[in-house]
Amino acid sequence: MKRIIGVMWMFLVWFVPQASAEGTFCRSETGTVVVFGNGIMNTKDDADSSKEVIERNLRSTLTPDEFSKLEFDLAYNESYDLMADLYESLKQRLGQDNVVVSFWRWLGGGDEVPDAVREELLKMATRFDFSTMVGDEDLANHIALYRTSILSGKKVIAVSHSQGNFFANAA
C-alpha cells in the first residue's frame, strides 16, 4: 500500500507544480478538494492514513498559499470481505468495459483465468449471498461528496487506488 501511495504522490508532484503555475490547480478563489478513494480490503483507518500521506506530501510540495486553498476528504468504500469486494469490483469493471467483448474473450478462452482463482470463484458461488452486496450506498455517498464540493464552486481531484477508481468513474 505504501508503494502505491508513493506512486500517487510522485504523480501529483510531477503534475501539481505545472498545473499550479498555469493557475488551474489551486489558485482558484473557491479552492480545490482532493478526495482519496480507497481500494478493496481497506479499513477506514487505512484509508484515512492514505489520505493523510497525500496531504503531507502536497504540503511539502506546494507553497503555503497554494496549500491553504486545498481541502482533503475521503470517499470511503466499505470493505465487506475479500470475495465480496472482488465480486463488486468485477461488476464495476463489467459496467465500464464493453461487456460483449469481455464475454467473447472469456467464452473463447482469450483471457485465461488462473486455476486457483477459478477454484475460489466456484467455492464463492456456492456460499455467496447477494443480499450482502451494499456498494450502492457507498456510491451514493461519493456522489453526494463530489456534488456538494462542485456546487459550492470548488474543483475536485479524485486520487484513487484500485476499486476506488471504479467508484470515482461511476460517480
Protein backbone atom coordinates (compact mmCIF):
# COMPACT_ATOMS: atom_id res chain seq x y z
CA MET A 1 0.00 0.00 0.00
CA LYS A 2 2.87 2.38 0.82
CA ARG A 3 4.33 1.77 -2.64
CA ILE A 4 1.00 2.68 -4.26
CA ILE A 5 0.70 5.86 -2.19
CA GLY A 6 4.27 6.69 -3.18
CA VAL A 7 3.42 6.33 -6.87
CA MET A 8 0.34 8.53 -6.45
CA TRP A 9 2.47 11.10 -4.65
CA MET A 10 5.02 11.06 -7.48
CA PHE A 11 2.21 11.63 -9.97
CA LEU A 12 0.91 14.60 -8.00
CA VAL A 13 4.42 16.03 -7.57
CA TRP A 14 5.04 15.93 -11.30
CA PHE A 15 1.72 17.45 -12.31
CA VAL A 16 0.72 19.70 -9.43
CA PRO A 17 3.51 22.31 -9.76
CA GLN A 18 2.98 22.58 -13.51
CA ALA A 19 -0.77 22.92 -13.13
CA SER A 20 -0.48 25.47 -10.34
CA ALA A 21 1.89 27.56 -12.44
CA GLU A 22 -0.82 27.70 -15.09
CA GLY A 23 -3.38 28.74 -12.49
CA THR A 24 -5.53 25.64 -12.90
CA PHE A 25 -4.83 23.59 -9.80
CA CYS A 26 -5.17 25.52 -6.57
CA ARG A 27 -5.15 29.19 -7.42
CA SER A 28 -8.90 29.22 -7.63
CA GLU A 29 -10.55 31.53 -5.12
CA THR A 30 -13.08 28.82 -4.28
CA GLY A 31 -10.44 26.15 -3.65
CA THR A 32 -9.89 22.56 -4.57
CA VAL A 33 -10.93 19.38 -2.78
CA VAL A 34 -8.52 16.45 -3.04
CA VAL A 35 -10.51 13.28 -2.43
CA PHE A 36 -8.90 9.90 -1.77
CA GLY A 37 -10.85 6.80 -2.83
CA ASN A 38 -9.65 3.57 -1.25
CA GLY A 39 -9.35 0.12 -2.73
CA ILE A 40 -10.61 -3.22 -1.51
CA MET A 41 -9.76 -4.67 1.89
CA ASN A 42 -9.05 -1.25 3.43
CA THR A 43 -10.35 -0.26 6.81
CA LYS A 44 -11.47 3.32 7.38
CA ASP A 45 -8.24 3.86 9.35
CA ASP A 46 -6.16 2.56 6.38
CA ALA A 47 -7.98 4.91 4.01
CA ASP A 48 -7.59 7.88 6.39
CA SER A 49 -3.85 7.14 6.66
CA SER A 50 -3.51 7.12 2.87
CA LYS A 51 -5.36 10.43 2.64
CA GLU A 52 -3.01 11.89 5.27
CA VAL A 53 0.05 10.75 3.27
CA ILE A 54 -1.29 12.60 0.23
CA GLU A 55 -1.94 15.68 2.36
CA ARG A 56 1.55 15.58 3.91
CA ASN A 57 3.24 15.18 0.53
CA LEU A 58 1.28 18.02 -1.03
CA ARG A 59 2.05 20.24 1.97
CA SER A 60 5.77 19.68 1.36
CA THR A 61 5.43 20.26 -2.41
CA LEU A 62 3.20 23.34 -2.65
CA THR A 63 3.68 26.85 -1.40
CA PRO A 64 1.80 27.67 1.82
CA ASP A 65 -0.59 29.89 -0.15
CA GLU A 66 -1.38 27.12 -2.65
CA PHE A 67 -1.74 24.51 0.09
CA SER A 68 -4.12 26.74 2.06
CA LYS A 69 -6.60 26.56 -0.83
CA LEU A 70 -6.80 22.78 -0.63
CA GLU A 71 -9.25 20.69 1.33
CA PHE A 72 -8.90 16.95 1.79
CA ASP A 73 -11.67 14.40 2.02
CA LEU A 74 -12.25 10.69 1.83
CA ALA A 75 -14.60 8.82 -0.49
CA TYR A 76 -14.62 5.65 1.57
CA ASN A 77 -15.59 2.33 0.02
CA GLU A 78 -16.71 -0.10 2.70
CA SER A 79 -14.95 -3.47 2.65
CA TYR A 80 -17.22 -6.49 3.10
CA ASP A 81 -14.67 -9.31 2.73
CA LEU A 82 -12.24 -10.32 0.01
CA MET A 83 -14.63 -12.32 -2.15
CA ALA A 84 -17.50 -9.84 -1.89
CA ASP A 85 -15.10 -6.96 -2.68
CA LEU A 86 -13.74 -8.84 -5.70
CA TYR A 87 -17.25 -9.58 -6.89
CA GLU A 88 -18.24 -5.93 -6.52
CA SER A 89 -15.09 -4.87 -8.41
CA LEU A 90 -15.90 -7.32 -11.20
CA LYS A 91 -19.42 -5.91 -11.51
CA GLN A 92 -17.99 -2.40 -11.65
CA ARG A 93 -15.37 -3.40 -14.22
CA LEU A 94 -18.01 -5.00 -16.41
CA GLY A 95 -20.07 -1.84 -16.21
CA GLN A 96 -17.15 0.17 -17.56
CA ASP A 97 -15.94 -2.32 -20.16
CA ASN A 98 -17.53 -3.40 -23.37
CA VAL A 99 -19.38 -6.35 -21.80
CA VAL A 100 -19.92 -8.04 -25.14
CA VAL A 101 -16.19 -8.05 -25.92
CA SER A 102 -15.33 -9.34 -22.43
CA PHE A 103 -17.93 -12.10 -22.72
CA TRP A 104 -16.50 -13.35 -26.02
CA ARG A 105 -12.93 -13.18 -24.69
CA TRP A 106 -13.89 -15.34 -21.73
CA LEU A 107 -16.01 -17.69 -23.79
CA GLY A 108 -13.31 -18.04 -26.45
CA GLY A 109 -10.55 -18.52 -23.92
CA GLY A 110 -8.78 -15.28 -24.93
CA ASP A 111 -8.47 -14.23 -21.30
CA GLU A 112 -7.32 -17.13 -19.16
CA VAL A 113 -8.33 -17.36 -15.53
CA PRO A 114 -5.70 -18.98 -13.23
CA ASP A 115 -6.81 -22.31 -11.73
CA ALA A 116 -6.56 -21.06 -8.13
CA VAL A 117 -8.83 -18.11 -8.93
CA ARG A 118 -11.30 -20.30 -10.80
CA GLU A 119 -11.49 -22.75 -7.86
CA GLU A 120 -12.02 -19.92 -5.36
CA LEU A 121 -14.75 -18.40 -7.54
CA LEU A 122 -16.53 -21.77 -7.68
CA LYS A 123 -16.37 -22.03 -3.89
CA MET A 124 -17.62 -18.46 -3.57
CA ALA A 125 -20.54 -19.12 -5.91
CA THR A 126 -21.80 -21.88 -3.64
CA ARG A 127 -21.76 -19.78 -0.48
CA PHE A 128 -22.29 -16.25 -1.78
CA ASP A 129 -25.27 -14.28 -0.51
CA PHE A 130 -26.17 -11.49 -2.93
CA SER A 131 -28.03 -9.66 -0.20
CA THR A 132 -24.66 -8.75 1.36
CA MET A 133 -23.69 -6.56 -1.59
CA VAL A 134 -24.15 -3.00 -0.36
CA GLY A 135 -21.98 -0.94 -2.74
CA ASP A 136 -24.83 1.32 -3.89
CA GLU A 137 -24.84 3.22 -0.60
CA ASP A 138 -21.09 3.84 -0.90
CA LEU A 139 -21.54 5.18 -4.44
CA ALA A 140 -24.40 7.44 -3.34
CA ASN A 141 -22.19 8.85 -0.58
CA HIS A 142 -19.36 9.50 -3.06
CA ILE A 143 -21.72 11.29 -5.46
CA ALA A 144 -23.04 13.46 -2.63
CA LEU A 145 -19.48 14.36 -1.60
CA TYR A 146 -18.50 15.38 -5.15
CA ARG A 147 -21.78 17.17 -5.83
CA THR A 148 -21.53 19.23 -2.62
CA SER A 149 -18.00 20.35 -3.47
CA ILE A 150 -18.77 21.15 -7.10
CA LEU A 151 -21.98 23.03 -6.29
CA SER A 152 -20.04 25.19 -3.84
CA GLY A 153 -17.77 26.16 -6.74
CA LYS A 154 -14.79 24.02 -5.82
CA LYS A 155 -12.69 21.89 -8.11
CA VAL A 156 -12.46 18.21 -7.22
CA ILE A 157 -9.45 15.99 -7.77
CA ALA A 158 -10.00 12.29 -7.11
CA VAL A 159 -6.92 10.29 -6.16
CA SER A 160 -7.99 6.67 -6.08
CA HIS A 161 -6.48 3.27 -5.52
CA SER A 162 -7.76 0.04 -7.04
CA GLN A 163 -11.52 -0.23 -6.62
CA GLY A 164 -11.64 3.43 -5.64
CA ASN A 165 -11.16 4.18 -9.34
CA PHE A 166 -14.36 2.30 -10.21
CA PHE A 167 -16.28 4.34 -7.66
CA ALA A 168 -14.75 7.63 -8.89
CA ASN A 169 -15.54 6.79 -12.51
CA ALA A 170 -19.10 5.80 -11.65
CA ALA A 171 -19.64 8.95 -9.60
